[in-house]
Amino acid sequence: MTPDWSRILEEHGQAVFQAAFRILGQRSDAEDTSQEVFLEACSSPQAGGVRNWGAYLRKLAVFRALDLRRRRRNLTSLDACVLPADSSNPCDEAVRHELADRMRDIIAALPEREGAVFTLRYHELLSNPQIAEVLEISVGAVAAAIHKVRAKLETMIAETSKGALP
C-alpha cells in the first residue's frame, strides 16, 4: 500500500520541523533536515508498513538533526551572535543564545540513543511510553537512558563551566 504523502506531510510536517529546530536552533538547518527526513521516509522500503507516521518521522528528525549538529559542533553559529531588536536587555539575550548553543553542542556530544531520549523527553515533552514507541525500545530502557543522560549532562556542564572560568 502506497502512503498518502500529501496527507502525511500536512499532518506531520510542522512537528518534524519543530523537532529539528529545537536541536539545531536555526530555521534553515531545520528546513533542510525536514526535507531530508521526508525524502528518507519516501525512499524507505519500510514506508508501506509504518503504523505510526508521527513517531517514525519524529524519530528520523531527531536523529538527522543530532547528526547535523555533531558534524557542525566546532562551527560558531551566526544566529547566536545576532541580538533581536525587541530584546529588553541585549546582554541577557546574548547570554541566552550562547547558553542555548552550548547546550545543543553538549546534547550532540551524547551517544545517539541518549541524545534522542533527552531531546524527545525535554524538548518534545514526550512521556516515557511515547519515547519508547518512537525509538522502538522498552519503557525501562527509556528510564535508564534518561537517568544516564542526566548524570552525563551534569558532569559535562560542570566541566564546561570550569573551563569557562578564568
N, C-alpha and C. Protein backbone atom coordinates (compact mmCIF):
# COMPACT_ATOMS: atom_id res chain seq x y z
N MET A 1 0.83 -1.17 0.00
CA MET A 1 0.00 0.00 0.00
C MET A 1 0.89 1.25 0.00
N THR A 2 0.65 2.15 -0.92
CA THR A 2 1.43 3.37 -1.04
C THR A 2 0.88 4.43 -0.08
N PRO A 3 1.76 5.02 0.74
CA PRO A 3 1.30 6.05 1.68
C PRO A 3 0.82 7.31 0.95
N ASP A 4 -0.09 8.02 1.56
CA ASP A 4 -0.58 9.30 1.05
C ASP A 4 0.37 10.40 1.55
N TRP A 5 1.38 10.71 0.75
CA TRP A 5 2.44 11.63 1.19
C TRP A 5 1.93 13.04 1.42
N SER A 6 0.96 13.48 0.67
CA SER A 6 0.40 14.82 0.90
C SER A 6 -0.21 14.92 2.29
N ARG A 7 -0.97 13.92 2.65
CA ARG A 7 -1.61 13.90 3.96
C ARG A 7 -0.57 13.78 5.07
N ILE A 8 0.41 12.91 4.88
CA ILE A 8 1.46 12.72 5.88
C ILE A 8 2.25 14.01 6.09
N LEU A 9 2.60 14.68 5.00
CA LEU A 9 3.33 15.95 5.10
C LEU A 9 2.49 17.00 5.81
N GLU A 10 1.22 17.08 5.46
CA GLU A 10 0.33 18.07 6.07
C GLU A 10 0.16 17.81 7.57
N GLU A 11 0.00 16.55 7.94
CA GLU A 11 -0.23 16.20 9.35
C GLU A 11 1.02 16.29 10.21
N HIS A 12 2.19 15.99 9.64
CA HIS A 12 3.39 15.83 10.47
C HIS A 12 4.54 16.79 10.11
N GLY A 13 4.38 17.56 9.06
CA GLY A 13 5.46 18.44 8.63
C GLY A 13 5.91 19.43 9.69
N GLN A 14 4.96 20.07 10.34
CA GLN A 14 5.30 21.06 11.37
C GLN A 14 6.00 20.42 12.56
N ALA A 15 5.56 19.25 12.99
CA ALA A 15 6.18 18.57 14.13
C ALA A 15 7.61 18.16 13.79
N VAL A 16 7.84 17.72 12.57
CA VAL A 16 9.19 17.34 12.13
C VAL A 16 10.10 18.57 12.15
N PHE A 17 9.61 19.68 11.60
CA PHE A 17 10.38 20.92 11.60
C PHE A 17 10.70 21.36 13.02
N GLN A 18 9.72 21.36 13.90
CA GLN A 18 9.93 21.81 15.28
C GLN A 18 10.93 20.93 16.02
N ALA A 19 10.87 19.64 15.82
CA ALA A 19 11.83 18.74 16.46
C ALA A 19 13.25 19.07 16.00
N ALA A 20 13.42 19.28 14.70
CA ALA A 20 14.74 19.62 14.17
C ALA A 20 15.19 21.00 14.65
N PHE A 21 14.28 21.95 14.68
CA PHE A 21 14.63 23.31 15.08
C PHE A 21 15.08 23.37 16.54
N ARG A 22 14.43 22.62 17.41
CA ARG A 22 14.81 22.63 18.82
C ARG A 22 16.24 22.13 19.02
N ILE A 23 16.67 21.25 18.18
CA ILE A 23 18.03 20.73 18.29
C ILE A 23 19.03 21.64 17.60
N LEU A 24 18.66 22.16 16.44
CA LEU A 24 19.60 22.91 15.61
C LEU A 24 19.61 24.40 15.90
N GLY A 25 18.47 24.96 16.26
CA GLY A 25 18.41 26.36 16.59
C GLY A 25 18.46 27.32 15.41
N GLN A 26 18.45 26.79 14.21
CA GLN A 26 18.50 27.63 13.01
C GLN A 26 17.42 27.15 12.04
N ARG A 27 16.62 28.10 11.59
CA ARG A 27 15.49 27.79 10.71
C ARG A 27 15.93 27.06 9.44
N SER A 28 16.97 27.56 8.79
CA SER A 28 17.39 26.96 7.52
C SER A 28 17.86 25.52 7.71
N ASP A 29 18.58 25.26 8.79
CA ASP A 29 19.03 23.89 9.07
C ASP A 29 17.85 22.98 9.37
N ALA A 30 16.86 23.50 10.11
CA ALA A 30 15.67 22.71 10.44
C ALA A 30 14.87 22.40 9.18
N GLU A 31 14.78 23.37 8.26
CA GLU A 31 14.08 23.14 7.00
C GLU A 31 14.79 22.08 6.17
N ASP A 32 16.13 22.19 6.08
CA ASP A 32 16.90 21.19 5.33
C ASP A 32 16.74 19.80 5.94
N THR A 33 16.78 19.74 7.26
CA THR A 33 16.64 18.46 7.94
C THR A 33 15.24 17.88 7.71
N SER A 34 14.23 18.73 7.74
CA SER A 34 12.86 18.26 7.49
C SER A 34 12.74 17.66 6.09
N GLN A 35 13.32 18.34 5.12
CA GLN A 35 13.29 17.80 3.74
C GLN A 35 14.02 16.46 3.68
N GLU A 36 15.15 16.38 4.35
CA GLU A 36 15.92 15.13 4.37
C GLU A 36 15.10 14.00 4.99
N VAL A 37 14.39 14.31 6.06
CA VAL A 37 13.56 13.31 6.74
C VAL A 37 12.48 12.78 5.81
N PHE A 38 11.78 13.68 5.13
CA PHE A 38 10.70 13.23 4.24
C PHE A 38 11.24 12.50 3.02
N LEU A 39 12.38 12.92 2.51
CA LEU A 39 12.99 12.18 1.39
C LEU A 39 13.39 10.78 1.83
N GLU A 40 13.97 10.69 3.02
CA GLU A 40 14.36 9.37 3.54
C GLU A 40 13.14 8.49 3.75
N ALA A 41 12.08 9.07 4.30
CA ALA A 41 10.86 8.29 4.53
C ALA A 41 10.24 7.82 3.22
N CYS A 42 10.23 8.70 2.21
CA CYS A 42 9.65 8.35 0.90
C CYS A 42 10.41 7.21 0.23
N SER A 43 11.73 7.24 0.39
CA SER A 43 12.55 6.25 -0.30
C SER A 43 12.76 4.97 0.52
N SER A 44 12.24 4.95 1.71
CA SER A 44 12.42 3.78 2.57
C SER A 44 11.54 2.63 2.11
N PRO A 45 12.12 1.43 2.03
CA PRO A 45 11.31 0.27 1.67
C PRO A 45 10.28 -0.07 2.76
N GLN A 46 10.47 0.47 3.98
CA GLN A 46 9.57 0.21 5.09
C GLN A 46 8.33 1.11 5.05
N ALA A 47 8.31 2.11 4.16
CA ALA A 47 7.26 3.13 4.16
C ALA A 47 5.86 2.55 4.14
N GLY A 48 5.64 1.50 3.43
CA GLY A 48 4.31 0.90 3.35
C GLY A 48 3.85 0.26 4.64
N GLY A 49 4.79 -0.09 5.52
CA GLY A 49 4.44 -0.77 6.76
C GLY A 49 4.49 0.08 8.01
N VAL A 50 4.67 1.38 7.86
CA VAL A 50 4.73 2.26 9.03
C VAL A 50 3.34 2.39 9.64
N ARG A 51 3.24 2.09 10.95
CA ARG A 51 1.96 2.17 11.65
C ARG A 51 1.72 3.54 12.25
N ASN A 52 2.78 4.20 12.70
CA ASN A 52 2.64 5.49 13.37
C ASN A 52 3.59 6.49 12.71
N TRP A 53 3.07 7.23 11.74
CA TRP A 53 3.91 8.17 10.98
C TRP A 53 4.48 9.27 11.87
N GLY A 54 3.72 9.74 12.83
CA GLY A 54 4.21 10.78 13.72
C GLY A 54 5.45 10.34 14.47
N ALA A 55 5.39 9.16 15.05
CA ALA A 55 6.53 8.63 15.81
C ALA A 55 7.71 8.36 14.89
N TYR A 56 7.46 7.76 13.76
CA TYR A 56 8.53 7.42 12.82
C TYR A 56 9.24 8.68 12.32
N LEU A 57 8.49 9.68 11.92
CA LEU A 57 9.09 10.90 11.38
C LEU A 57 9.79 11.71 12.45
N ARG A 58 9.24 11.75 13.65
CA ARG A 58 9.88 12.47 14.76
C ARG A 58 11.21 11.81 15.10
N LYS A 59 11.23 10.49 15.09
CA LYS A 59 12.47 9.75 15.36
C LYS A 59 13.52 10.11 14.31
N LEU A 60 13.14 10.08 13.04
CA LEU A 60 14.08 10.45 11.98
C LEU A 60 14.56 11.88 12.14
N ALA A 61 13.66 12.79 12.48
CA ALA A 61 14.03 14.20 12.64
C ALA A 61 15.05 14.39 13.75
N VAL A 62 14.83 13.73 14.86
CA VAL A 62 15.76 13.86 15.99
C VAL A 62 17.12 13.31 15.61
N PHE A 63 17.15 12.13 15.00
CA PHE A 63 18.44 11.53 14.63
C PHE A 63 19.16 12.36 13.57
N ARG A 64 18.45 12.82 12.55
CA ARG A 64 19.11 13.61 11.49
C ARG A 64 19.60 14.95 12.02
N ALA A 65 18.81 15.60 12.89
CA ALA A 65 19.23 16.88 13.46
C ALA A 65 20.44 16.70 14.38
N LEU A 66 20.45 15.64 15.18
CA LEU A 66 21.61 15.38 16.03
C LEU A 66 22.84 15.08 15.18
N ASP A 67 22.66 14.33 14.09
CA ASP A 67 23.78 14.06 13.18
C ASP A 67 24.37 15.36 12.63
N LEU A 68 23.50 16.25 12.17
CA LEU A 68 23.96 17.53 11.62
C LEU A 68 24.65 18.35 12.70
N ARG A 69 24.08 18.38 13.89
CA ARG A 69 24.69 19.14 15.00
C ARG A 69 26.07 18.60 15.33
N ARG A 70 26.23 17.27 15.31
CA ARG A 70 27.54 16.68 15.59
C ARG A 70 28.56 17.07 14.53
N ARG A 71 28.12 17.08 13.26
CA ARG A 71 29.04 17.45 12.18
C ARG A 71 29.47 18.90 12.28
N ARG A 72 28.61 19.75 12.81
CA ARG A 72 28.90 21.18 12.88
C ARG A 72 29.33 21.64 14.27
N ARG A 73 29.64 20.74 15.14
CA ARG A 73 29.93 21.05 16.54
C ARG A 73 30.98 22.14 16.71
N ASN A 74 31.98 22.16 15.89
CA ASN A 74 33.08 23.10 16.06
C ASN A 74 32.85 24.44 15.36
N LEU A 75 31.74 24.57 14.66
CA LEU A 75 31.46 25.83 13.98
C LEU A 75 30.68 26.76 14.90
N THR A 76 30.91 28.03 14.79
CA THR A 76 30.18 29.02 15.58
C THR A 76 28.92 29.41 14.83
N SER A 77 27.82 29.42 15.53
CA SER A 77 26.55 29.80 14.93
C SER A 77 26.46 31.31 14.83
N LEU A 78 26.18 31.81 13.63
CA LEU A 78 25.99 33.24 13.46
C LEU A 78 24.73 33.71 14.15
N ASP A 79 23.73 32.85 14.24
CA ASP A 79 22.48 33.21 14.92
C ASP A 79 22.72 33.54 16.38
N ALA A 80 23.71 32.90 16.99
CA ALA A 80 23.99 33.16 18.39
C ALA A 80 24.58 34.55 18.58
N CYS A 81 25.10 35.16 17.53
CA CYS A 81 25.72 36.48 17.62
C CYS A 81 24.73 37.60 17.33
N VAL A 82 23.60 37.29 16.76
CA VAL A 82 22.63 38.31 16.38
C VAL A 82 21.68 38.56 17.54
N LEU A 83 21.54 39.82 17.92
CA LEU A 83 20.62 40.18 19.00
C LEU A 83 19.33 40.70 18.42
N PRO A 84 18.21 40.15 18.84
CA PRO A 84 16.94 40.65 18.33
C PRO A 84 16.69 42.08 18.81
N ALA A 85 16.06 42.90 17.97
CA ALA A 85 15.83 44.30 18.28
C ALA A 85 14.83 44.47 19.43
N ASP A 86 13.94 43.49 19.63
CA ASP A 86 12.93 43.64 20.66
C ASP A 86 13.37 43.18 22.05
N SER A 87 14.61 42.76 22.19
CA SER A 87 15.11 42.31 23.48
C SER A 87 15.24 43.49 24.43
N SER A 88 14.71 43.37 25.64
CA SER A 88 14.79 44.46 26.59
C SER A 88 16.20 44.59 27.16
N ASN A 89 16.94 43.50 27.18
CA ASN A 89 18.29 43.54 27.70
C ASN A 89 19.20 42.76 26.75
N PRO A 90 19.95 43.44 25.91
CA PRO A 90 20.79 42.75 24.92
C PRO A 90 21.81 41.79 25.55
N CYS A 91 22.32 42.13 26.69
CA CYS A 91 23.29 41.25 27.35
C CYS A 91 22.65 39.92 27.74
N ASP A 92 21.45 39.99 28.33
CA ASP A 92 20.74 38.77 28.71
C ASP A 92 20.41 37.92 27.49
N GLU A 93 20.02 38.58 26.41
CA GLU A 93 19.67 37.85 25.18
C GLU A 93 20.91 37.16 24.60
N ALA A 94 22.04 37.84 24.63
CA ALA A 94 23.28 37.25 24.13
C ALA A 94 23.70 36.04 24.96
N VAL A 95 23.58 36.15 26.27
CA VAL A 95 23.91 35.04 27.15
C VAL A 95 22.97 33.87 26.89
N ARG A 96 21.67 34.16 26.71
CA ARG A 96 20.69 33.11 26.44
C ARG A 96 21.03 32.36 25.16
N HIS A 97 21.40 33.10 24.11
CA HIS A 97 21.78 32.46 22.85
C HIS A 97 23.03 31.60 23.01
N GLU A 98 24.00 32.11 23.74
CA GLU A 98 25.24 31.35 23.93
C GLU A 98 24.99 30.08 24.74
N LEU A 99 24.20 30.19 25.79
CA LEU A 99 23.89 29.00 26.60
C LEU A 99 23.10 27.98 25.80
N ALA A 100 22.14 28.43 25.00
CA ALA A 100 21.36 27.50 24.18
C ALA A 100 22.25 26.79 23.17
N ASP A 101 23.19 27.52 22.58
CA ASP A 101 24.11 26.93 21.62
C ASP A 101 25.02 25.91 22.30
N ARG A 102 25.52 26.24 23.47
CA ARG A 102 26.37 25.29 24.22
C ARG A 102 25.59 24.03 24.58
N MET A 103 24.33 24.22 25.00
CA MET A 103 23.51 23.06 25.37
C MET A 103 23.28 22.16 24.16
N ARG A 104 23.06 22.74 23.00
CA ARG A 104 22.89 21.94 21.78
C ARG A 104 24.16 21.16 21.47
N ASP A 105 25.32 21.78 21.67
CA ASP A 105 26.58 21.08 21.45
C ASP A 105 26.77 19.93 22.43
N ILE A 106 26.40 20.15 23.68
CA ILE A 106 26.51 19.10 24.70
C ILE A 106 25.60 17.93 24.34
N ILE A 107 24.37 18.21 23.94
CA ILE A 107 23.44 17.15 23.56
C ILE A 107 23.96 16.39 22.34
N ALA A 108 24.54 17.12 21.39
CA ALA A 108 25.09 16.47 20.19
C ALA A 108 26.28 15.58 20.52
N ALA A 109 26.97 15.86 21.62
CA ALA A 109 28.13 15.06 22.01
C ALA A 109 27.72 13.74 22.68
N LEU A 110 26.46 13.62 23.05
CA LEU A 110 25.98 12.39 23.68
C LEU A 110 25.90 11.26 22.65
N PRO A 111 25.96 10.02 23.11
CA PRO A 111 25.70 8.90 22.19
C PRO A 111 24.31 9.06 21.56
N GLU A 112 24.11 8.49 20.38
CA GLU A 112 22.90 8.70 19.59
C GLU A 112 21.61 8.44 20.37
N ARG A 113 21.50 7.31 21.02
CA ARG A 113 20.26 6.97 21.73
C ARG A 113 20.01 7.94 22.87
N GLU A 114 21.05 8.27 23.63
CA GLU A 114 20.89 9.18 24.76
C GLU A 114 20.49 10.58 24.30
N GLY A 115 21.09 11.04 23.22
CA GLY A 115 20.72 12.34 22.68
C GLY A 115 19.27 12.36 22.23
N ALA A 116 18.85 11.28 21.60
CA ALA A 116 17.46 11.19 21.14
C ALA A 116 16.49 11.14 22.31
N VAL A 117 16.80 10.34 23.34
CA VAL A 117 15.93 10.24 24.51
C VAL A 117 15.81 11.61 25.19
N PHE A 118 16.94 12.29 25.39
CA PHE A 118 16.91 13.60 26.03
C PHE A 118 16.06 14.58 25.22
N THR A 119 16.28 14.61 23.93
CA THR A 119 15.55 15.55 23.07
C THR A 119 14.06 15.27 23.09
N LEU A 120 13.69 14.02 22.97
CA LEU A 120 12.26 13.67 22.97
C LEU A 120 11.62 13.95 24.33
N ARG A 121 12.36 13.77 25.41
CA ARG A 121 11.80 13.99 26.75
C ARG A 121 11.70 15.47 27.09
N TYR A 122 12.77 16.20 26.89
CA TYR A 122 12.82 17.58 27.39
C TYR A 122 12.54 18.65 26.34
N HIS A 123 12.66 18.34 25.07
CA HIS A 123 12.32 19.31 24.03
C HIS A 123 10.95 19.03 23.44
N GLU A 124 10.68 17.78 23.18
CA GLU A 124 9.38 17.40 22.61
C GLU A 124 8.33 17.11 23.69
N LEU A 125 8.77 17.00 24.94
CA LEU A 125 7.89 16.78 26.10
C LEU A 125 7.07 15.50 25.99
N LEU A 126 7.69 14.46 25.44
CA LEU A 126 7.03 13.16 25.35
C LEU A 126 7.18 12.40 26.66
N SER A 127 6.22 11.54 26.95
CA SER A 127 6.29 10.68 28.13
C SER A 127 7.23 9.51 27.82
N ASN A 128 7.62 8.79 28.87
CA ASN A 128 8.49 7.62 28.66
C ASN A 128 7.86 6.58 27.73
N PRO A 129 6.56 6.26 27.88
CA PRO A 129 5.96 5.31 26.93
C PRO A 129 5.96 5.82 25.48
N GLN A 130 5.74 7.13 25.31
CA GLN A 130 5.76 7.70 23.96
C GLN A 130 7.18 7.62 23.37
N ILE A 131 8.18 7.90 24.18
CA ILE A 131 9.57 7.81 23.71
C ILE A 131 9.88 6.37 23.34
N ALA A 132 9.44 5.44 24.16
CA ALA A 132 9.68 4.02 23.88
C ALA A 132 9.08 3.64 22.53
N GLU A 133 7.89 4.15 22.24
CA GLU A 133 7.25 3.85 20.96
C GLU A 133 8.03 4.46 19.80
N VAL A 134 8.43 5.72 19.95
CA VAL A 134 9.16 6.41 18.88
C VAL A 134 10.48 5.71 18.58
N LEU A 135 11.22 5.36 19.62
CA LEU A 135 12.55 4.77 19.44
C LEU A 135 12.53 3.25 19.35
N GLU A 136 11.34 2.67 19.55
CA GLU A 136 11.17 1.23 19.48
C GLU A 136 12.07 0.51 20.48
N ILE A 137 12.01 1.00 21.74
CA ILE A 137 12.73 0.39 22.85
C ILE A 137 11.75 0.25 24.01
N SER A 138 12.16 -0.42 25.08
CA SER A 138 11.26 -0.61 26.21
C SER A 138 11.19 0.65 27.06
N VAL A 139 10.12 0.76 27.84
CA VAL A 139 9.96 1.90 28.74
C VAL A 139 11.08 1.90 29.78
N GLY A 140 11.47 0.73 30.22
CA GLY A 140 12.58 0.63 31.17
C GLY A 140 13.89 1.15 30.59
N ALA A 141 14.12 0.86 29.31
CA ALA A 141 15.33 1.36 28.65
C ALA A 141 15.29 2.89 28.54
N VAL A 142 14.11 3.44 28.34
CA VAL A 142 13.95 4.90 28.30
C VAL A 142 14.30 5.50 29.65
N ALA A 143 13.75 4.93 30.72
CA ALA A 143 14.01 5.45 32.07
C ALA A 143 15.50 5.37 32.40
N ALA A 144 16.12 4.25 32.05
CA ALA A 144 17.56 4.11 32.31
C ALA A 144 18.36 5.12 31.51
N ALA A 145 17.99 5.34 30.26
CA ALA A 145 18.70 6.30 29.42
C ALA A 145 18.53 7.72 29.96
N ILE A 146 17.34 8.07 30.43
CA ILE A 146 17.13 9.41 30.99
C ILE A 146 18.00 9.61 32.22
N HIS A 147 18.05 8.61 33.09
CA HIS A 147 18.90 8.70 34.29
C HIS A 147 20.37 8.87 33.89
N LYS A 148 20.79 8.08 32.95
CA LYS A 148 22.18 8.10 32.49
C LYS A 148 22.53 9.44 31.85
N VAL A 149 21.65 9.93 30.99
CA VAL A 149 21.93 11.17 30.27
C VAL A 149 21.93 12.36 31.22
N ARG A 150 21.06 12.37 32.21
CA ARG A 150 21.06 13.48 33.17
C ARG A 150 22.37 13.53 33.94
N ALA A 151 22.86 12.36 34.35
CA ALA A 151 24.14 12.31 35.07
C ALA A 151 25.28 12.79 34.17
N LYS A 152 25.27 12.37 32.91
CA LYS A 152 26.31 12.80 31.97
C LYS A 152 26.24 14.30 31.72
N LEU A 153 25.02 14.81 31.55
CA LEU A 153 24.86 16.25 31.30
C LEU A 153 25.35 17.08 32.49
N GLU A 154 25.03 16.62 33.70
CA GLU A 154 25.51 17.35 34.88
C GLU A 154 27.03 17.40 34.89
N THR A 155 27.67 16.29 34.58
CA THR A 155 29.13 16.24 34.53
C THR A 155 29.67 17.13 33.42
N MET A 156 29.09 17.03 32.23
CA MET A 156 29.56 17.82 31.09
C MET A 156 29.38 19.32 31.33
N ILE A 157 28.26 19.70 31.93
CA ILE A 157 28.00 21.11 32.21
C ILE A 157 28.99 21.62 33.26
N ALA A 158 29.25 20.79 34.27
CA ALA A 158 30.22 21.19 35.29
C ALA A 158 31.60 21.37 34.68
N GLU A 159 32.00 20.46 33.80
CA GLU A 159 33.30 20.56 33.14
C GLU A 159 33.37 21.79 32.22
N THR A 160 32.28 22.06 31.50
CA THR A 160 32.22 23.22 30.63
C THR A 160 32.32 24.50 31.46
N SER A 161 31.63 24.53 32.60
CA SER A 161 31.66 25.71 33.45
C SER A 161 33.05 25.95 34.01
N LYS A 162 33.74 24.89 34.40
CA LYS A 162 35.11 25.03 34.92
C LYS A 162 36.03 25.59 33.85
N GLY A 163 35.86 25.11 32.62
CA GLY A 163 36.70 25.56 31.51
C GLY A 163 36.43 27.01 31.15
N ALA A 164 35.24 27.50 31.47
CA ALA A 164 34.89 28.87 31.12
C ALA A 164 35.40 29.88 32.14
N LEU A 165 35.77 29.40 33.32
CA LEU A 165 36.26 30.30 34.35
C LEU A 165 37.70 30.70 34.07
N PRO A 166 38.09 31.95 34.43
CA PRO A 166 39.48 32.39 34.19
C PRO A 166 40.46 31.70 35.09
